[in-house]
Amino acid sequence: MGVTQGAGLSLQWFRNQFASGVDYDTLTTEAAQAPAGSQGLYWLPYLMGERTPHLNAMARGGWIGLTAKHTRADMIRALLEGVSYSQKDCMDIIEQMGVQVESVRVSGGGARSAFWRQMLANVFAKRVVTLATQEGSAYGAALLALVGTGVYTSVPEICKAVIREVESISPQPDAAQVYAAGHPIYKSLYPALQGILYACQRHRARE
């Protein structure tokens, strides 16, 4: 399992702090005006520490690479890209364990955004699909309970019976190439900034 602590929270935080009253569709429409890669701007989504791949409750978030050329659209897009990169960190760990990932299923609030689903497909360089039900872990737990109580004989059987894909999005080659180059830079930011973060924490502790 891979967990991004501040996934949907990142966009919610931005809306609450800088775009009060603006709905999420409007924010993603604005983000779509910025180019893939957000003109070199990166977002670390560590608003509540992090679990995967950095098991560090003291990890902190922020935009890296901000310049005067960047617009609010760049900042929003970088935020969505940062969360997507973080999710790719999780997928990379799974693939490094020998699991072959052919497609990625998405659910939850962020999955309702067609723009974000396309971005995930581009970042993962994988097909992204949505299911007939938008429930995630709770629905999975219910399916396991049906197997456990004998209503179905196995997990593959119940999955074949009730899980249905309703949409599939394929990667866009040009954007996928941008994100393939951007992800290693994103991965380098946390270790590069870790010493500065600890210095700031020590300073606060002395105050």
N, C-alpha and C. Protein backbone atom coordinates (compact mmCIF):
# COMPACT_ATOMS: atom_id res chain seq x y z
N MET A 1 0.84 -1.20 0.00
CA MET A 1 0.00 0.00 0.00
C MET A 1 0.88 1.25 0.00
N GLY A 2 0.46 2.24 -0.76
CA GLY A 2 1.14 3.52 -0.73
C GLY A 2 0.15 4.61 -0.33
N VAL A 3 0.61 5.54 0.47
CA VAL A 3 -0.29 6.58 1.00
C VAL A 3 0.31 7.96 0.79
N THR A 4 -0.45 8.86 0.19
CA THR A 4 -0.10 10.28 0.15
C THR A 4 -1.01 11.00 1.15
N GLN A 5 -0.43 11.48 2.23
CA GLN A 5 -1.22 12.07 3.30
C GLN A 5 -2.02 13.29 2.83
N GLY A 6 -1.39 14.11 2.00
CA GLY A 6 -2.01 15.38 1.62
C GLY A 6 -2.43 15.41 0.17
N ALA A 7 -3.12 14.38 -0.31
CA ALA A 7 -3.51 14.31 -1.72
C ALA A 7 -4.64 15.30 -2.02
N GLY A 8 -5.89 14.89 -1.83
CA GLY A 8 -7.00 15.82 -2.03
C GLY A 8 -6.93 17.00 -1.09
N LEU A 9 -6.29 16.79 0.07
CA LEU A 9 -6.13 17.87 1.05
C LEU A 9 -5.38 19.05 0.47
N SER A 10 -4.42 18.79 -0.42
CA SER A 10 -3.63 19.89 -0.98
C SER A 10 -4.53 20.87 -1.73
N LEU A 11 -5.42 20.35 -2.58
CA LEU A 11 -6.31 21.23 -3.33
C LEU A 11 -7.33 21.88 -2.40
N GLN A 12 -7.81 21.13 -1.42
CA GLN A 12 -8.75 21.70 -0.45
C GLN A 12 -8.10 22.83 0.34
N TRP A 13 -6.85 22.64 0.75
CA TRP A 13 -6.13 23.67 1.48
C TRP A 13 -5.98 24.93 0.63
N PHE A 14 -5.60 24.74 -0.65
CA PHE A 14 -5.45 25.90 -1.52
C PHE A 14 -6.77 26.65 -1.65
N ARG A 15 -7.83 25.93 -1.88
CA ARG A 15 -9.14 26.58 -2.03
C ARG A 15 -9.53 27.33 -0.76
N ASN A 16 -9.36 26.69 0.39
CA ASN A 16 -9.76 27.32 1.65
C ASN A 16 -8.95 28.57 1.95
N GLN A 17 -7.67 28.55 1.59
CA GLN A 17 -6.79 29.66 1.96
C GLN A 17 -6.72 30.76 0.91
N PHE A 18 -6.84 30.41 -0.37
CA PHE A 18 -6.59 31.38 -1.43
C PHE A 18 -7.71 31.54 -2.44
N ALA A 19 -8.74 30.71 -2.35
CA ALA A 19 -9.82 30.79 -3.35
C ALA A 19 -11.16 30.46 -2.70
N SER A 20 -11.43 31.13 -1.61
CA SER A 20 -12.66 30.86 -0.85
C SER A 20 -13.89 31.04 -1.73
N GLY A 21 -14.78 30.05 -1.72
CA GLY A 21 -16.01 30.13 -2.50
C GLY A 21 -15.88 29.62 -3.92
N VAL A 22 -14.67 29.31 -4.36
CA VAL A 22 -14.45 28.81 -5.72
C VAL A 22 -14.58 27.29 -5.71
N ASP A 23 -15.33 26.74 -6.65
CA ASP A 23 -15.50 25.29 -6.67
C ASP A 23 -14.29 24.62 -7.32
N TYR A 24 -14.17 23.32 -7.09
CA TYR A 24 -13.01 22.58 -7.56
C TYR A 24 -12.93 22.52 -9.08
N ASP A 25 -14.07 22.43 -9.75
CA ASP A 25 -14.05 22.40 -11.21
C ASP A 25 -13.45 23.68 -11.78
N THR A 26 -13.77 24.82 -11.15
CA THR A 26 -13.21 26.09 -11.60
C THR A 26 -11.70 26.12 -11.40
N LEU A 27 -11.24 25.57 -10.30
CA LEU A 27 -9.80 25.54 -10.03
C LEU A 27 -9.06 24.65 -11.03
N THR A 28 -9.63 23.48 -11.34
CA THR A 28 -8.95 22.61 -12.31
C THR A 28 -9.02 23.18 -13.72
N THR A 29 -10.10 23.91 -14.03
CA THR A 29 -10.17 24.59 -15.33
C THR A 29 -9.08 25.65 -15.44
N GLU A 30 -8.83 26.36 -14.34
CA GLU A 30 -7.75 27.35 -14.32
C GLU A 30 -6.40 26.66 -14.46
N ALA A 31 -6.22 25.54 -13.77
CA ALA A 31 -4.95 24.80 -13.84
C ALA A 31 -4.66 24.34 -15.26
N ALA A 32 -5.72 24.00 -16.01
CA ALA A 32 -5.56 23.52 -17.38
C ALA A 32 -4.99 24.59 -18.31
N GLN A 33 -5.04 25.86 -17.89
CA GLN A 33 -4.50 26.95 -18.71
C GLN A 33 -2.98 26.99 -18.65
N ALA A 34 -2.39 26.36 -17.64
CA ALA A 34 -0.94 26.31 -17.51
C ALA A 34 -0.39 25.11 -18.27
N PRO A 35 0.85 25.18 -18.75
CA PRO A 35 1.42 24.06 -19.50
C PRO A 35 1.80 22.90 -18.59
N ALA A 36 1.85 21.70 -19.13
CA ALA A 36 2.34 20.55 -18.38
C ALA A 36 3.74 20.85 -17.86
N GLY A 37 3.95 20.57 -16.60
CA GLY A 37 5.23 20.89 -15.97
C GLY A 37 5.22 22.21 -15.25
N SER A 38 4.15 23.00 -15.41
CA SER A 38 3.95 24.25 -14.66
C SER A 38 5.15 25.19 -14.72
N GLN A 39 5.80 25.24 -15.87
CA GLN A 39 6.95 26.12 -16.09
C GLN A 39 8.04 25.92 -15.02
N GLY A 40 8.28 24.66 -14.67
CA GLY A 40 9.36 24.35 -13.73
C GLY A 40 9.01 24.52 -12.28
N LEU A 41 7.73 24.67 -11.97
CA LEU A 41 7.30 24.82 -10.57
C LEU A 41 6.87 23.45 -10.03
N TYR A 42 7.31 23.15 -8.80
CA TYR A 42 6.99 21.86 -8.18
C TYR A 42 6.30 22.08 -6.84
N TRP A 43 5.42 21.15 -6.51
CA TRP A 43 4.72 21.19 -5.22
C TRP A 43 5.03 19.90 -4.45
N LEU A 44 5.50 20.07 -3.20
CA LEU A 44 5.66 18.93 -2.30
C LEU A 44 4.41 18.85 -1.43
N PRO A 45 3.61 17.77 -1.53
CA PRO A 45 2.31 17.74 -0.87
C PRO A 45 2.34 17.26 0.58
N TYR A 46 3.39 17.62 1.29
CA TYR A 46 3.59 17.08 2.63
C TYR A 46 3.00 18.01 3.69
N LEU A 47 1.71 18.27 3.59
CA LEU A 47 1.05 19.19 4.52
C LEU A 47 0.79 18.55 5.88
N MET A 48 0.81 17.23 5.93
CA MET A 48 0.58 16.51 7.18
C MET A 48 1.66 15.46 7.40
N GLY A 49 2.91 15.81 7.08
CA GLY A 49 3.94 14.80 7.09
C GLY A 49 3.73 13.89 5.89
N GLU A 50 4.39 12.75 5.88
CA GLU A 50 4.21 11.82 4.78
C GLU A 50 4.42 10.39 5.25
N ARG A 51 3.82 9.46 4.50
CA ARG A 51 3.95 8.03 4.80
C ARG A 51 4.71 7.30 3.70
N THR A 52 4.40 7.58 2.45
CA THR A 52 5.05 6.87 1.34
C THR A 52 5.58 7.88 0.32
N PRO A 53 6.85 7.80 -0.06
CA PRO A 53 7.87 6.85 0.40
C PRO A 53 8.68 7.37 1.58
N HIS A 54 8.31 8.54 2.10
CA HIS A 54 9.07 9.16 3.19
C HIS A 54 8.27 9.00 4.48
N LEU A 55 8.63 8.02 5.28
CA LEU A 55 7.92 7.81 6.55
C LEU A 55 8.43 8.85 7.54
N ASN A 56 7.84 10.04 7.48
CA ASN A 56 8.34 11.17 8.26
C ASN A 56 7.18 12.09 8.61
N ALA A 57 6.78 12.05 9.86
CA ALA A 57 5.66 12.90 10.31
C ALA A 57 6.02 14.37 10.26
N MET A 58 7.32 14.69 10.19
CA MET A 58 7.75 16.09 10.19
C MET A 58 8.05 16.61 8.80
N ALA A 59 7.80 15.82 7.76
CA ALA A 59 7.96 16.33 6.40
C ALA A 59 7.02 17.51 6.18
N ARG A 60 7.44 18.47 5.39
CA ARG A 60 6.64 19.67 5.17
C ARG A 60 6.50 19.96 3.68
N GLY A 61 5.42 20.62 3.31
CA GLY A 61 5.12 20.88 1.92
C GLY A 61 5.57 22.26 1.47
N GLY A 62 5.40 22.50 0.18
CA GLY A 62 5.70 23.82 -0.34
C GLY A 62 5.93 23.80 -1.84
N TRP A 63 5.85 24.98 -2.45
CA TRP A 63 6.20 25.14 -3.85
C TRP A 63 7.70 25.35 -3.96
N ILE A 64 8.33 24.71 -4.91
CA ILE A 64 9.76 24.86 -5.15
C ILE A 64 9.95 25.35 -6.58
N GLY A 65 10.77 26.39 -6.73
CA GLY A 65 11.05 26.92 -8.07
C GLY A 65 10.20 28.10 -8.45
N LEU A 66 9.53 28.73 -7.49
CA LEU A 66 8.61 29.83 -7.77
C LEU A 66 9.38 31.06 -8.25
N THR A 67 8.91 31.65 -9.36
CA THR A 67 9.51 32.87 -9.91
C THR A 67 8.41 33.86 -10.25
N ALA A 68 8.82 35.04 -10.66
CA ALA A 68 7.85 36.08 -11.01
C ALA A 68 7.04 35.74 -12.24
N LYS A 69 7.50 34.80 -13.06
CA LYS A 69 6.76 34.44 -14.27
C LYS A 69 5.57 33.55 -13.98
N HIS A 70 5.56 32.93 -12.81
CA HIS A 70 4.51 31.95 -12.52
C HIS A 70 3.18 32.63 -12.19
N THR A 71 2.12 32.02 -12.67
CA THR A 71 0.76 32.52 -12.44
C THR A 71 0.06 31.64 -11.41
N ARG A 72 -1.13 32.06 -11.02
CA ARG A 72 -1.91 31.24 -10.11
C ARG A 72 -2.26 29.91 -10.77
N ALA A 73 -2.49 29.92 -12.08
CA ALA A 73 -2.76 28.68 -12.80
C ALA A 73 -1.58 27.71 -12.68
N ASP A 74 -0.35 28.23 -12.78
CA ASP A 74 0.83 27.39 -12.60
C ASP A 74 0.86 26.79 -11.20
N MET A 75 0.51 27.59 -10.20
CA MET A 75 0.56 27.12 -8.82
C MET A 75 -0.45 26.01 -8.59
N ILE A 76 -1.64 26.17 -9.15
CA ILE A 76 -2.66 25.12 -8.98
C ILE A 76 -2.26 23.86 -9.73
N ARG A 77 -1.79 24.05 -10.96
CA ARG A 77 -1.37 22.87 -11.74
C ARG A 77 -0.21 22.16 -11.07
N ALA A 78 0.77 22.92 -10.56
CA ALA A 78 1.91 22.31 -9.88
C ALA A 78 1.44 21.52 -8.66
N LEU A 79 0.42 22.03 -7.99
CA LEU A 79 -0.14 21.33 -6.83
C LEU A 79 -0.70 19.97 -7.24
N LEU A 80 -1.49 19.95 -8.32
CA LEU A 80 -2.05 18.70 -8.81
C LEU A 80 -0.94 17.76 -9.31
N GLU A 81 0.06 18.33 -9.95
CA GLU A 81 1.17 17.52 -10.45
C GLU A 81 1.97 16.93 -9.29
N GLY A 82 2.17 17.71 -8.22
CA GLY A 82 2.91 17.22 -7.07
C GLY A 82 2.23 16.03 -6.42
N VAL A 83 0.91 16.11 -6.28
CA VAL A 83 0.15 14.99 -5.73
C VAL A 83 0.27 13.78 -6.66
N SER A 84 0.19 14.02 -7.96
CA SER A 84 0.29 12.93 -8.94
C SER A 84 1.68 12.29 -8.90
N TYR A 85 2.72 13.11 -8.79
CA TYR A 85 4.08 12.57 -8.65
C TYR A 85 4.19 11.72 -7.39
N SER A 86 3.58 12.19 -6.31
CA SER A 86 3.62 11.44 -5.05
C SER A 86 2.94 10.08 -5.21
N GLN A 87 1.83 10.06 -5.96
CA GLN A 87 1.17 8.80 -6.23
C GLN A 87 2.04 7.89 -7.10
N LYS A 88 2.78 8.49 -8.01
CA LYS A 88 3.70 7.68 -8.83
C LYS A 88 4.81 7.11 -7.97
N ASP A 89 5.27 7.84 -6.95
CA ASP A 89 6.24 7.29 -6.01
C ASP A 89 5.72 5.97 -5.44
N CYS A 90 4.43 5.97 -5.07
CA CYS A 90 3.82 4.76 -4.50
C CYS A 90 3.76 3.65 -5.53
N MET A 91 3.36 3.98 -6.75
CA MET A 91 3.26 2.96 -7.80
C MET A 91 4.63 2.38 -8.13
N ASP A 92 5.66 3.23 -8.13
CA ASP A 92 7.01 2.75 -8.44
C ASP A 92 7.46 1.69 -7.44
N ILE A 93 7.12 1.89 -6.16
CA ILE A 93 7.49 0.91 -5.14
C ILE A 93 6.82 -0.43 -5.42
N ILE A 94 5.55 -0.38 -5.79
CA ILE A 94 4.81 -1.60 -6.10
C ILE A 94 5.44 -2.31 -7.29
N GLU A 95 5.80 -1.55 -8.33
CA GLU A 95 6.41 -2.17 -9.52
C GLU A 95 7.79 -2.73 -9.21
N GLN A 96 8.53 -2.07 -8.31
CA GLN A 96 9.85 -2.56 -7.93
C GLN A 96 9.76 -3.88 -7.18
N MET A 97 8.59 -4.19 -6.64
CA MET A 97 8.36 -5.47 -5.96
C MET A 97 7.98 -6.58 -6.94
N GLY A 98 7.95 -6.25 -8.24
CA GLY A 98 7.69 -7.24 -9.25
C GLY A 98 6.25 -7.31 -9.72
N VAL A 99 5.41 -6.40 -9.25
CA VAL A 99 4.01 -6.37 -9.67
C VAL A 99 3.92 -5.65 -11.01
N GLN A 100 3.27 -6.27 -11.97
CA GLN A 100 3.08 -5.64 -13.28
C GLN A 100 1.77 -4.85 -13.28
N VAL A 101 1.90 -3.54 -13.44
CA VAL A 101 0.73 -2.65 -13.42
C VAL A 101 0.36 -2.31 -14.85
N GLU A 102 -0.80 -2.76 -15.29
CA GLU A 102 -1.27 -2.47 -16.64
C GLU A 102 -2.19 -1.27 -16.68
N SER A 103 -2.94 -1.06 -15.60
CA SER A 103 -3.84 0.09 -15.52
C SER A 103 -4.00 0.47 -14.06
N VAL A 104 -4.45 1.69 -13.84
CA VAL A 104 -4.63 2.22 -12.49
C VAL A 104 -6.09 2.62 -12.31
N ARG A 105 -6.72 2.13 -11.28
CA ARG A 105 -8.10 2.48 -10.99
C ARG A 105 -8.13 3.62 -9.98
N VAL A 106 -8.94 4.62 -10.23
CA VAL A 106 -9.01 5.79 -9.36
C VAL A 106 -10.41 5.93 -8.81
N SER A 107 -10.49 6.45 -7.58
CA SER A 107 -11.78 6.70 -6.95
C SER A 107 -11.61 7.85 -5.98
N GLY A 108 -12.71 8.32 -5.41
CA GLY A 108 -12.65 9.42 -4.47
C GLY A 108 -12.89 10.76 -5.13
N GLY A 109 -12.75 11.82 -4.33
CA GLY A 109 -13.07 13.16 -4.80
C GLY A 109 -12.27 13.60 -6.00
N GLY A 110 -10.94 13.43 -5.95
CA GLY A 110 -10.10 13.86 -7.06
C GLY A 110 -10.40 13.12 -8.35
N ALA A 111 -10.89 11.88 -8.23
CA ALA A 111 -11.18 11.08 -9.42
C ALA A 111 -12.37 11.61 -10.20
N ARG A 112 -13.14 12.52 -9.62
CA ARG A 112 -14.27 13.09 -10.34
C ARG A 112 -13.83 14.13 -11.36
N SER A 113 -12.57 14.55 -11.30
CA SER A 113 -12.04 15.54 -12.23
C SER A 113 -11.44 14.86 -13.45
N ALA A 114 -12.03 15.09 -14.62
CA ALA A 114 -11.49 14.52 -15.85
C ALA A 114 -10.08 15.03 -16.11
N PHE A 115 -9.83 16.29 -15.78
CA PHE A 115 -8.51 16.88 -15.97
C PHE A 115 -7.47 16.16 -15.12
N TRP A 116 -7.80 15.90 -13.87
CA TRP A 116 -6.85 15.24 -12.97
C TRP A 116 -6.65 13.79 -13.37
N ARG A 117 -7.71 13.12 -13.82
CA ARG A 117 -7.56 11.74 -14.28
C ARG A 117 -6.61 11.66 -15.47
N GLN A 118 -6.74 12.61 -16.40
CA GLN A 118 -5.83 12.63 -17.55
C GLN A 118 -4.41 12.90 -17.10
N MET A 119 -4.24 13.80 -16.15
CA MET A 119 -2.90 14.09 -15.63
C MET A 119 -2.29 12.84 -15.00
N LEU A 120 -3.08 12.10 -14.22
CA LEU A 120 -2.58 10.87 -13.61
C LEU A 120 -2.14 9.87 -14.68
N ALA A 121 -2.94 9.73 -15.74
CA ALA A 121 -2.56 8.83 -16.82
C ALA A 121 -1.23 9.26 -17.43
N ASN A 122 -1.04 10.56 -17.58
CA ASN A 122 0.20 11.07 -18.17
C ASN A 122 1.39 10.86 -17.24
N VAL A 123 1.18 11.10 -15.95
CA VAL A 123 2.27 10.94 -14.98
C VAL A 123 2.63 9.47 -14.81
N PHE A 124 1.63 8.61 -14.71
CA PHE A 124 1.88 7.18 -14.56
C PHE A 124 2.37 6.53 -15.86
N ALA A 125 2.05 7.17 -17.00
CA ALA A 125 2.25 6.53 -18.31
C ALA A 125 1.53 5.19 -18.35
N LYS A 126 0.33 5.21 -17.76
CA LYS A 126 -0.52 4.02 -17.69
C LYS A 126 -1.96 4.43 -18.01
N ARG A 127 -2.73 3.44 -18.41
CA ARG A 127 -4.17 3.66 -18.59
C ARG A 127 -4.81 3.86 -17.22
N VAL A 128 -5.64 4.89 -17.09
CA VAL A 128 -6.35 5.17 -15.84
C VAL A 128 -7.84 4.90 -16.07
N VAL A 129 -8.44 4.12 -15.18
CA VAL A 129 -9.83 3.74 -15.34
C VAL A 129 -10.63 4.12 -14.10
N THR A 130 -11.91 4.37 -14.31
CA THR A 130 -12.84 4.57 -13.21
C THR A 130 -13.85 3.43 -13.22
N LEU A 131 -14.42 3.16 -12.05
CA LEU A 131 -15.35 2.06 -11.88
C LEU A 131 -16.77 2.57 -11.72
N ALA A 132 -17.73 1.65 -11.82
CA ALA A 132 -19.13 2.02 -11.69
C ALA A 132 -19.42 2.56 -10.30
N THR A 133 -18.71 2.10 -9.29
CA THR A 133 -18.85 2.64 -7.94
C THR A 133 -17.66 3.52 -7.62
N GLN A 134 -17.92 4.63 -6.94
CA GLN A 134 -16.84 5.54 -6.57
C GLN A 134 -16.31 5.27 -5.18
N GLU A 135 -16.91 4.31 -4.47
CA GLU A 135 -16.40 3.93 -3.16
C GLU A 135 -15.08 3.18 -3.32
N GLY A 136 -14.17 3.39 -2.41
CA GLY A 136 -12.88 2.72 -2.49
C GLY A 136 -12.71 1.67 -1.43
N SER A 137 -12.04 2.03 -0.34
CA SER A 137 -11.70 1.04 0.69
C SER A 137 -12.93 0.45 1.36
N ALA A 138 -13.96 1.25 1.61
CA ALA A 138 -15.16 0.73 2.27
C ALA A 138 -15.85 -0.32 1.39
N TYR A 139 -15.89 -0.05 0.08
CA TYR A 139 -16.50 -1.01 -0.84
C TYR A 139 -15.69 -2.30 -0.88
N GLY A 140 -14.38 -2.17 -0.91
CA GLY A 140 -13.52 -3.35 -0.89
C GLY A 140 -13.71 -4.18 0.36
N ALA A 141 -13.85 -3.50 1.50
CA ALA A 141 -14.08 -4.22 2.76
C ALA A 141 -15.40 -4.99 2.72
N ALA A 142 -16.42 -4.37 2.11
CA ALA A 142 -17.71 -5.04 1.99
C ALA A 142 -17.61 -6.28 1.11
N LEU A 143 -16.85 -6.18 0.02
CA LEU A 143 -16.68 -7.34 -0.86
C LEU A 143 -15.95 -8.47 -0.14
N LEU A 144 -14.93 -8.12 0.64
CA LEU A 144 -14.22 -9.14 1.41
C LEU A 144 -15.14 -9.81 2.43
N ALA A 145 -16.04 -9.02 3.02
CA ALA A 145 -16.99 -9.58 3.99
C ALA A 145 -17.91 -10.58 3.32
N LEU A 146 -18.33 -10.30 2.08
CA LEU A 146 -19.20 -11.24 1.36
C LEU A 146 -18.48 -12.55 1.07
N VAL A 147 -17.17 -12.45 0.81
CA VAL A 147 -16.38 -13.68 0.63
C VAL A 147 -16.24 -14.41 1.96
N GLY A 148 -15.97 -13.65 3.01
CA GLY A 148 -15.76 -14.25 4.33
C GLY A 148 -16.99 -14.95 4.88
N THR A 149 -18.17 -14.46 4.52
CA THR A 149 -19.41 -15.07 5.00
C THR A 149 -19.93 -16.15 4.06
N GLY A 150 -19.22 -16.40 2.97
CA GLY A 150 -19.58 -17.49 2.08
C GLY A 150 -20.55 -17.15 0.97
N VAL A 151 -20.94 -15.88 0.85
CA VAL A 151 -21.84 -15.50 -0.24
C VAL A 151 -21.15 -15.72 -1.58
N TYR A 152 -19.84 -15.40 -1.62
CA TYR A 152 -19.01 -15.73 -2.78
C TYR A 152 -17.86 -16.61 -2.29
N THR A 153 -17.33 -17.43 -3.17
CA THR A 153 -16.32 -18.39 -2.74
C THR A 153 -14.90 -17.84 -2.78
N SER A 154 -14.69 -16.77 -3.53
CA SER A 154 -13.33 -16.24 -3.63
C SER A 154 -13.37 -14.76 -4.00
N VAL A 155 -12.25 -14.09 -3.76
CA VAL A 155 -12.13 -12.67 -4.14
C VAL A 155 -12.20 -12.50 -5.66
N PRO A 156 -11.47 -13.29 -6.45
CA PRO A 156 -11.61 -13.15 -7.91
C PRO A 156 -13.04 -13.32 -8.39
N GLU A 157 -13.79 -14.23 -7.77
CA GLU A 157 -15.17 -14.46 -8.20
C GLU A 157 -16.03 -13.23 -7.98
N ILE A 158 -15.95 -12.63 -6.80
CA ILE A 158 -16.80 -11.47 -6.53
C ILE A 158 -16.34 -10.27 -7.34
N CYS A 159 -15.03 -10.13 -7.56
CA CYS A 159 -14.55 -9.01 -8.38
C CYS A 159 -15.08 -9.12 -9.81
N LYS A 160 -15.06 -10.32 -10.34
CA LYS A 160 -15.57 -10.54 -11.70
C LYS A 160 -17.06 -10.24 -11.77
N ALA A 161 -17.78 -10.49 -10.67
CA ALA A 161 -19.23 -10.33 -10.67
C ALA A 161 -19.67 -8.88 -10.51
N VAL A 162 -18.93 -8.09 -9.73
CA VAL A 162 -19.48 -6.78 -9.36
C VAL A 162 -18.63 -5.58 -9.80
N ILE A 163 -17.37 -5.78 -10.13
CA ILE A 163 -16.51 -4.64 -10.48
C ILE A 163 -16.58 -4.40 -11.99
N ARG A 164 -16.97 -3.19 -12.34
CA ARG A 164 -17.16 -2.87 -13.76
C ARG A 164 -16.48 -1.54 -14.09
N GLU A 165 -15.61 -1.54 -15.08
CA GLU A 165 -14.96 -0.31 -15.53
C GLU A 165 -15.92 0.46 -16.42
N VAL A 166 -16.00 1.79 -16.18
CA VAL A 166 -16.93 2.60 -16.97
C VAL A 166 -16.22 3.63 -17.84
N GLU A 167 -14.95 3.90 -17.56
CA GLU A 167 -14.20 4.88 -18.36
C GLU A 167 -12.73 4.51 -18.36
N SER A 168 -12.05 4.76 -19.46
CA SER A 168 -10.62 4.50 -19.58
C SER A 168 -9.95 5.69 -20.25
N ILE A 169 -8.86 6.16 -19.67
CA ILE A 169 -8.11 7.29 -20.21
C ILE A 169 -6.68 6.84 -20.47
N SER A 170 -6.19 7.06 -21.66
CA SER A 170 -4.83 6.67 -22.03
C SER A 170 -3.88 7.87 -21.91
N PRO A 171 -2.59 7.63 -21.69
CA PRO A 171 -1.63 8.72 -21.59
C PRO A 171 -1.51 9.49 -22.91
N GLN A 172 -1.24 10.78 -22.81
CA GLN A 172 -0.94 11.61 -23.97
C GLN A 172 0.58 11.66 -24.12
N PRO A 173 1.13 11.20 -25.23
CA PRO A 173 2.58 11.04 -25.35
C PRO A 173 3.40 12.28 -25.00
N ASP A 174 3.00 13.46 -25.48
CA ASP A 174 3.79 14.67 -25.23
C ASP A 174 3.83 15.01 -23.75
N ALA A 175 2.66 14.99 -23.10
CA ALA A 175 2.60 15.32 -21.67
C ALA A 175 3.30 14.24 -20.85
N ALA A 176 3.15 12.98 -21.24
CA ALA A 176 3.81 11.89 -20.52
C ALA A 176 5.32 12.06 -20.56
N GLN A 177 5.84 12.57 -21.68
CA GLN A 177 7.28 12.80 -21.79
C GLN A 177 7.73 13.91 -20.85
N VAL A 178 6.93 14.96 -20.73
CA VAL A 178 7.25 16.05 -19.80
C VAL A 178 7.31 15.52 -18.38
N TYR A 179 6.34 14.71 -18.00
CA TYR A 179 6.28 14.22 -16.63
C TYR A 179 7.35 13.15 -16.37
N ALA A 180 7.73 12.40 -17.38
CA ALA A 180 8.81 11.43 -17.21
C ALA A 180 10.12 12.14 -16.87
N ALA A 181 10.30 13.33 -17.44
CA ALA A 181 11.49 14.13 -17.12
C ALA A 181 11.34 14.85 -15.78
N GLY A 182 10.12 15.21 -15.42
CA GLY A 182 9.90 15.98 -14.20
C GLY A 182 9.90 15.16 -12.94
N HIS A 183 9.50 13.89 -13.01
CA HIS A 183 9.40 13.08 -11.80
C HIS A 183 10.74 12.89 -11.09
N PRO A 184 11.85 12.61 -11.79
CA PRO A 184 13.13 12.50 -11.08
C PRO A 184 13.52 13.79 -10.35
N ILE A 185 13.19 14.94 -10.93
CA ILE A 185 13.47 16.22 -10.26
C ILE A 185 12.63 16.32 -8.99
N TYR A 186 11.34 15.97 -9.11
CA TYR A 186 10.46 15.98 -7.93
C TYR A 186 11.04 15.08 -6.84
N LYS A 187 11.50 13.88 -7.21
CA LYS A 187 12.01 12.94 -6.22
C LYS A 187 13.27 13.46 -5.53
N SER A 188 14.02 14.33 -6.20
CA SER A 188 15.26 14.84 -5.62
C SER A 188 15.03 15.95 -4.61
N LEU A 189 13.83 16.54 -4.60
CA LEU A 189 13.60 17.72 -3.78
C LEU A 189 13.54 17.41 -2.28
N TYR A 190 12.84 16.35 -1.91
CA TYR A 190 12.71 16.03 -0.48
C TYR A 190 14.07 15.79 0.17
N PRO A 191 14.92 14.90 -0.37
CA PRO A 191 16.23 14.71 0.28
C PRO A 191 17.10 15.96 0.25
N ALA A 192 16.97 16.76 -0.81
CA ALA A 192 17.79 17.97 -0.90
C ALA A 192 17.40 18.99 0.16
N LEU A 193 16.13 19.03 0.54
CA LEU A 193 15.64 20.03 1.48
C LEU A 193 15.54 19.53 2.90
N GLN A 194 15.80 18.26 3.13
CA GLN A 194 15.59 17.68 4.45
C GLN A 194 16.45 18.36 5.52
N GLY A 195 17.70 18.65 5.20
CA GLY A 195 18.57 19.31 6.17
C GLY A 195 18.07 20.69 6.54
N ILE A 196 17.58 21.45 5.57
CA ILE A 196 17.04 22.78 5.84
C ILE A 196 15.81 22.67 6.74
N LEU A 197 14.97 21.67 6.46
CA LEU A 197 13.76 21.46 7.25
C LEU A 197 14.11 21.20 8.71
N TYR A 198 15.08 20.32 8.95
CA TYR A 198 15.46 20.01 10.32
C TYR A 198 16.06 21.21 11.02
N ALA A 199 16.81 22.05 10.29
CA ALA A 199 17.37 23.26 10.88
C ALA A 199 16.26 24.21 11.31
N CYS A 200 15.23 24.34 10.48
CA CYS A 200 14.09 25.20 10.84
C CYS A 200 13.36 24.66 12.05
N GLN A 201 13.22 23.35 12.14
CA GLN A 201 12.54 22.73 13.28
C GLN A 201 13.32 22.95 14.56
N ARG A 202 14.64 22.83 14.50
CA ARG A 202 15.47 23.06 15.68
C ARG A 202 15.36 24.51 16.13
N HIS A 203 15.32 25.42 15.14
CA HIS A 203 15.19 26.85 15.47
C HIS A 203 13.88 27.13 16.18
N ARG A 204 12.78 26.53 15.67
CA ARG A 204 11.49 26.71 16.31
C ARG A 204 11.47 26.15 17.72
N ALA A 205 12.16 25.01 17.92
CA ALA A 205 12.17 24.38 19.24
C ALA A 205 12.87 25.25 20.27
N ARG A 206 13.81 26.09 19.81
CA ARG A 206 14.55 26.96 20.73
C ARG A 206 13.78 28.24 21.06
N GLU A 207 12.76 28.55 20.25
CA GLU A 207 12.01 29.79 20.48
C GLU A 207 11.15 29.72 21.73
